[in-house]
Every structure is written in structure tokens, then in C-alpha cells.
Amino acid sequence: MTYQPIKKAVAIEYGKNAVPMLTAKGQDELADALIAEAQRQGVYIAQDPQLVALLSQIELNNEIPENLYVAVAVILSWVYWLKGIEPQGPGNKEERKA
């Protein structure tokens, strides 16, 4: 008998809220469906089993806890870089003009 690890996936959303939120999670077939839908919608997918394990403990539609901000920020910065966009914030040039 071979051991098959449980496949997990989570989705976070940031931009509409002040902090990242957990918007979807699942394992096995549901994880596959989440990944497939993300790919269909052009969502970037990062693979970080440790972060997924921690995020999957959070209830849906809850804020990401502060102790995970740095790990989530790394993923978000990667996504911004891939999309060629700059996040809005105090250091943004456009905001300094105002």
C-alpha cells in the first residue's frame, strides 16, 4: 500500500480589503478544482506546502493572521512582479504627487 499525501489548496484575496482574506480552501478533488479554476481565470499559483498548511487552518472569509503577513507578502510581491504592477501605498510615486 502506497501513501498518497493529501493535496491542499487555498485562495487568498487582497486589494478589495485592507488585509488579505482567505476566500477558498479545499483538499484532494476540491483542491484540484480550485487550482483548475484559478488557471482558467489566469490567477498565478504559488506552491508553498508549509504556508498552505497554515492557511488551511483559517476559517473561510477571515483575515490572514498577522504572524503570516510576511509569508503572504512574499507571494503577493511575486504576483505583482509577474503582472508588472506596483502596489498602491505610501511609497508609491503617484500617491506622493497628491
N, C-alpha and C. Protein backbone atom coordinates (compact mmCIF):
# COMPACT_ATOMS: atom_id res chain seq x y z
N MET A 1 0.86 -1.18 0.00
CA MET A 1 0.00 0.00 0.00
C MET A 1 0.90 1.23 0.00
N THR A 2 0.64 2.14 -0.94
CA THR A 2 1.45 3.35 -1.01
C THR A 2 0.72 4.51 -0.36
N TYR A 3 1.49 5.37 0.25
CA TYR A 3 0.95 6.54 0.92
C TYR A 3 0.79 7.67 -0.09
N GLN A 4 -0.40 8.22 -0.19
CA GLN A 4 -0.67 9.37 -1.05
C GLN A 4 -0.91 10.58 -0.16
N PRO A 5 -0.02 11.58 -0.23
CA PRO A 5 -0.25 12.76 0.61
C PRO A 5 -1.53 13.48 0.19
N ILE A 6 -2.14 14.14 1.15
CA ILE A 6 -3.35 14.90 0.88
C ILE A 6 -2.95 16.17 0.14
N LYS A 7 -3.59 16.42 -0.98
CA LYS A 7 -3.36 17.63 -1.74
C LYS A 7 -4.26 18.73 -1.19
N LYS A 8 -3.67 19.89 -0.90
CA LYS A 8 -4.44 21.02 -0.37
C LYS A 8 -4.20 22.24 -1.24
N ALA A 9 -5.21 23.11 -1.27
CA ALA A 9 -5.09 24.38 -1.98
C ALA A 9 -5.88 25.44 -1.21
N VAL A 10 -5.38 26.66 -1.26
CA VAL A 10 -6.08 27.80 -0.65
C VAL A 10 -6.06 28.95 -1.63
N ALA A 11 -6.98 29.86 -1.46
CA ALA A 11 -7.01 31.08 -2.27
C ALA A 11 -7.10 32.27 -1.32
N ILE A 12 -6.27 33.26 -1.61
CA ILE A 12 -6.33 34.50 -0.83
C ILE A 12 -6.67 35.65 -1.76
N GLU A 13 -7.33 36.63 -1.22
CA GLU A 13 -7.70 37.82 -1.98
C GLU A 13 -7.17 39.03 -1.24
N TYR A 14 -6.60 39.94 -2.01
CA TYR A 14 -6.09 41.17 -1.42
C TYR A 14 -6.33 42.29 -2.41
N GLY A 15 -6.74 43.41 -1.92
CA GLY A 15 -7.00 44.55 -2.78
C GLY A 15 -8.36 45.15 -2.48
N LYS A 16 -9.36 44.32 -2.33
CA LYS A 16 -10.70 44.81 -2.00
C LYS A 16 -10.82 45.06 -0.50
N ASN A 17 -9.94 44.45 0.28
CA ASN A 17 -9.96 44.59 1.73
C ASN A 17 -8.63 45.17 2.18
N ALA A 18 -8.61 45.69 3.40
CA ALA A 18 -7.38 46.28 3.94
C ALA A 18 -6.30 45.23 4.20
N VAL A 19 -6.70 44.00 4.42
CA VAL A 19 -5.76 42.91 4.67
C VAL A 19 -6.15 41.71 3.80
N PRO A 20 -5.19 40.82 3.52
CA PRO A 20 -5.53 39.61 2.74
C PRO A 20 -6.56 38.75 3.48
N MET A 21 -7.45 38.16 2.70
CA MET A 21 -8.50 37.29 3.25
C MET A 21 -8.40 35.91 2.61
N LEU A 22 -8.75 34.89 3.38
CA LEU A 22 -8.83 33.53 2.85
C LEU A 22 -10.21 33.38 2.21
N THR A 23 -10.23 33.16 0.90
CA THR A 23 -11.51 33.12 0.19
C THR A 23 -11.94 31.73 -0.27
N ALA A 24 -11.01 30.78 -0.29
CA ALA A 24 -11.36 29.41 -0.66
C ALA A 24 -10.29 28.47 -0.13
N LYS A 25 -10.71 27.24 0.15
CA LYS A 25 -9.76 26.21 0.55
C LYS A 25 -10.38 24.85 0.31
N GLY A 26 -9.52 23.86 0.11
CA GLY A 26 -10.03 22.51 -0.10
C GLY A 26 -8.89 21.53 -0.19
N GLN A 27 -9.24 20.26 -0.19
CA GLN A 27 -8.22 19.22 -0.32
C GLN A 27 -8.68 18.18 -1.33
N ASP A 28 -7.70 17.45 -1.85
CA ASP A 28 -7.90 16.40 -2.85
C ASP A 28 -8.66 16.91 -4.07
N GLU A 29 -9.86 16.38 -4.39
CA GLU A 29 -10.56 16.80 -5.60
C GLU A 29 -10.94 18.27 -5.58
N LEU A 30 -11.31 18.78 -4.41
CA LEU A 30 -11.66 20.20 -4.31
C LEU A 30 -10.43 21.06 -4.55
N ALA A 31 -9.28 20.62 -4.05
CA ALA A 31 -8.03 21.34 -4.31
C ALA A 31 -7.74 21.36 -5.81
N ASP A 32 -7.92 20.23 -6.47
CA ASP A 32 -7.72 20.17 -7.92
C ASP A 32 -8.67 21.13 -8.64
N ALA A 33 -9.92 21.18 -8.19
CA ALA A 33 -10.91 22.07 -8.81
C ALA A 33 -10.54 23.54 -8.59
N LEU A 34 -10.06 23.88 -7.39
CA LEU A 34 -9.64 25.26 -7.11
C LEU A 34 -8.48 25.66 -8.01
N ILE A 35 -7.52 24.78 -8.14
CA ILE A 35 -6.34 25.05 -8.98
C ILE A 35 -6.76 25.19 -10.44
N ALA A 36 -7.61 24.30 -10.91
CA ALA A 36 -8.06 24.35 -12.30
C ALA A 36 -8.81 25.65 -12.58
N GLU A 37 -9.68 26.07 -11.67
CA GLU A 37 -10.43 27.31 -11.86
C GLU A 37 -9.49 28.51 -11.82
N ALA A 38 -8.52 28.50 -10.93
CA ALA A 38 -7.54 29.59 -10.88
C ALA A 38 -6.79 29.68 -12.20
N GLN A 39 -6.38 28.55 -12.74
CA GLN A 39 -5.67 28.53 -14.02
C GLN A 39 -6.56 29.06 -15.15
N ARG A 40 -7.84 28.69 -15.15
CA ARG A 40 -8.77 29.18 -16.17
C ARG A 40 -8.91 30.70 -16.11
N GLN A 41 -8.86 31.25 -14.90
CA GLN A 41 -9.03 32.69 -14.72
C GLN A 41 -7.71 33.46 -14.80
N GLY A 42 -6.62 32.76 -15.06
CA GLY A 42 -5.33 33.43 -15.18
C GLY A 42 -4.72 33.85 -13.85
N VAL A 43 -5.13 33.20 -12.78
CA VAL A 43 -4.60 33.51 -11.45
C VAL A 43 -3.25 32.81 -11.29
N TYR A 44 -2.27 33.54 -10.79
CA TYR A 44 -0.95 32.94 -10.55
C TYR A 44 -1.03 32.00 -9.37
N ILE A 45 -0.34 30.86 -9.50
CA ILE A 45 -0.37 29.83 -8.47
C ILE A 45 1.03 29.64 -7.91
N ALA A 46 1.14 29.77 -6.60
CA ALA A 46 2.41 29.53 -5.92
C ALA A 46 2.28 28.22 -5.15
N GLN A 47 3.37 27.47 -5.11
CA GLN A 47 3.36 26.22 -4.35
C GLN A 47 4.24 26.38 -3.13
N ASP A 48 3.60 26.39 -1.97
CA ASP A 48 4.30 26.51 -0.69
C ASP A 48 3.54 25.65 0.32
N PRO A 49 3.90 24.36 0.42
CA PRO A 49 3.15 23.44 1.28
C PRO A 49 3.03 23.89 2.74
N GLN A 50 4.08 24.48 3.29
CA GLN A 50 4.02 24.92 4.68
C GLN A 50 3.02 26.06 4.85
N LEU A 51 3.05 27.02 3.92
CA LEU A 51 2.10 28.13 4.01
C LEU A 51 0.68 27.65 3.80
N VAL A 52 0.47 26.74 2.86
CA VAL A 52 -0.87 26.19 2.63
C VAL A 52 -1.37 25.47 3.89
N ALA A 53 -0.50 24.73 4.55
CA ALA A 53 -0.89 24.02 5.77
C ALA A 53 -1.35 25.02 6.84
N LEU A 54 -0.64 26.12 6.98
CA LEU A 54 -1.02 27.13 7.97
C LEU A 54 -2.30 27.86 7.57
N LEU A 55 -2.39 28.26 6.31
CA LEU A 55 -3.57 28.99 5.85
C LEU A 55 -4.82 28.12 5.86
N SER A 56 -4.68 26.83 5.64
CA SER A 56 -5.85 25.96 5.60
C SER A 56 -6.49 25.80 6.98
N GLN A 57 -5.82 26.23 8.03
CA GLN A 57 -6.39 26.18 9.38
C GLN A 57 -7.31 27.37 9.68
N ILE A 58 -7.27 28.37 8.80
CA ILE A 58 -8.07 29.58 8.98
C ILE A 58 -9.47 29.34 8.43
N GLU A 59 -10.47 29.91 9.08
CA GLU A 59 -11.85 29.80 8.60
C GLU A 59 -12.02 30.65 7.35
N LEU A 60 -12.88 30.22 6.44
CA LEU A 60 -13.13 30.95 5.21
C LEU A 60 -13.61 32.37 5.49
N ASN A 61 -13.21 33.29 4.62
CA ASN A 61 -13.58 34.70 4.68
C ASN A 61 -13.06 35.41 5.91
N ASN A 62 -12.02 34.86 6.52
CA ASN A 62 -11.35 35.52 7.64
C ASN A 62 -10.06 36.15 7.16
N GLU A 63 -9.62 37.16 7.91
CA GLU A 63 -8.36 37.82 7.62
C GLU A 63 -7.19 36.88 7.87
N ILE A 64 -6.13 37.06 7.09
CA ILE A 64 -4.89 36.33 7.32
C ILE A 64 -4.30 36.86 8.62
N PRO A 65 -3.91 36.01 9.56
CA PRO A 65 -3.35 36.50 10.83
C PRO A 65 -2.01 37.21 10.63
N GLU A 66 -1.73 38.15 11.49
CA GLU A 66 -0.52 38.96 11.39
C GLU A 66 0.76 38.13 11.32
N ASN A 67 0.80 37.00 12.02
CA ASN A 67 2.03 36.19 12.01
C ASN A 67 2.32 35.58 10.64
N LEU A 68 1.36 35.65 9.70
CA LEU A 68 1.58 35.13 8.35
C LEU A 68 1.73 36.24 7.30
N TYR A 69 1.69 37.51 7.74
CA TYR A 69 1.78 38.63 6.81
C TYR A 69 3.03 38.58 5.94
N VAL A 70 4.17 38.29 6.54
CA VAL A 70 5.42 38.31 5.76
C VAL A 70 5.38 37.24 4.67
N ALA A 71 4.96 36.04 5.02
CA ALA A 71 4.91 34.95 4.04
C ALA A 71 3.93 35.28 2.92
N VAL A 72 2.77 35.83 3.27
CA VAL A 72 1.78 36.19 2.27
C VAL A 72 2.29 37.37 1.43
N ALA A 73 2.97 38.31 2.06
CA ALA A 73 3.51 39.47 1.33
C ALA A 73 4.53 39.03 0.28
N VAL A 74 5.31 38.01 0.58
CA VAL A 74 6.28 37.50 -0.39
C VAL A 74 5.55 36.96 -1.62
N ILE A 75 4.49 36.21 -1.39
CA ILE A 75 3.69 35.66 -2.50
C ILE A 75 3.06 36.80 -3.30
N LEU A 76 2.47 37.77 -2.60
CA LEU A 76 1.82 38.88 -3.29
C LEU A 76 2.82 39.72 -4.08
N SER A 77 4.01 39.93 -3.54
CA SER A 77 5.02 40.71 -4.28
C SER A 77 5.45 39.97 -5.54
N TRP A 78 5.52 38.65 -5.46
CA TRP A 78 5.84 37.83 -6.63
C TRP A 78 4.76 38.01 -7.70
N VAL A 79 3.50 37.99 -7.28
CA VAL A 79 2.39 38.15 -8.22
C VAL A 79 2.43 39.54 -8.85
N TYR A 80 2.64 40.58 -8.04
CA TYR A 80 2.76 41.94 -8.58
C TYR A 80 3.88 42.01 -9.61
N TRP A 81 5.01 41.41 -9.29
CA TRP A 81 6.16 41.43 -10.20
C TRP A 81 5.81 40.73 -11.51
N LEU A 82 5.16 39.56 -11.42
CA LEU A 82 4.79 38.83 -12.63
C LEU A 82 3.82 39.62 -13.50
N LYS A 83 2.92 40.36 -12.86
CA LYS A 83 1.93 41.15 -13.60
C LYS A 83 2.49 42.50 -14.05
N GLY A 84 3.66 42.86 -13.55
CA GLY A 84 4.26 44.14 -13.92
C GLY A 84 3.55 45.34 -13.34
N ILE A 85 2.99 45.18 -12.13
CA ILE A 85 2.29 46.30 -11.49
C ILE A 85 2.94 46.64 -10.17
N GLU A 86 2.69 47.87 -9.72
CA GLU A 86 3.18 48.31 -8.42
C GLU A 86 2.00 48.41 -7.48
N PRO A 87 2.13 47.91 -6.26
CA PRO A 87 1.04 48.04 -5.30
C PRO A 87 0.88 49.50 -4.89
N GLN A 88 -0.33 49.90 -4.58
CA GLN A 88 -0.58 51.25 -4.10
C GLN A 88 -0.22 51.33 -2.63
N GLY A 89 0.33 52.43 -2.21
CA GLY A 89 0.68 52.59 -0.80
C GLY A 89 1.49 53.84 -0.59
N PRO A 90 1.96 54.06 0.64
CA PRO A 90 2.67 55.28 0.98
C PRO A 90 3.92 55.52 0.14
N GLY A 91 4.58 54.47 -0.33
CA GLY A 91 5.79 54.64 -1.10
C GLY A 91 5.57 54.80 -2.59
N ASN A 92 4.32 54.74 -3.04
CA ASN A 92 4.02 54.83 -4.47
C ASN A 92 4.19 56.25 -4.96
N LYS A 93 4.84 56.45 -6.12
CA LYS A 93 5.13 57.76 -6.67
C LYS A 93 3.86 58.56 -6.92
N GLU A 94 2.81 57.88 -7.41
CA GLU A 94 1.56 58.59 -7.72
C GLU A 94 0.97 59.21 -6.47
N GLU A 95 1.05 58.49 -5.36
CA GLU A 95 0.47 58.99 -4.13
C GLU A 95 1.25 60.18 -3.59
N ARG A 96 2.57 60.20 -3.81
CA ARG A 96 3.39 61.31 -3.34
C ARG A 96 3.07 62.60 -4.09
N LYS A 97 2.57 62.51 -5.32
CA LYS A 97 2.24 63.70 -6.09
C LYS A 97 1.03 64.42 -5.53
N ALA A 98 0.12 63.67 -4.92
CA ALA A 98 -1.14 64.25 -4.45
C ALA A 98 -0.96 65.20 -3.30
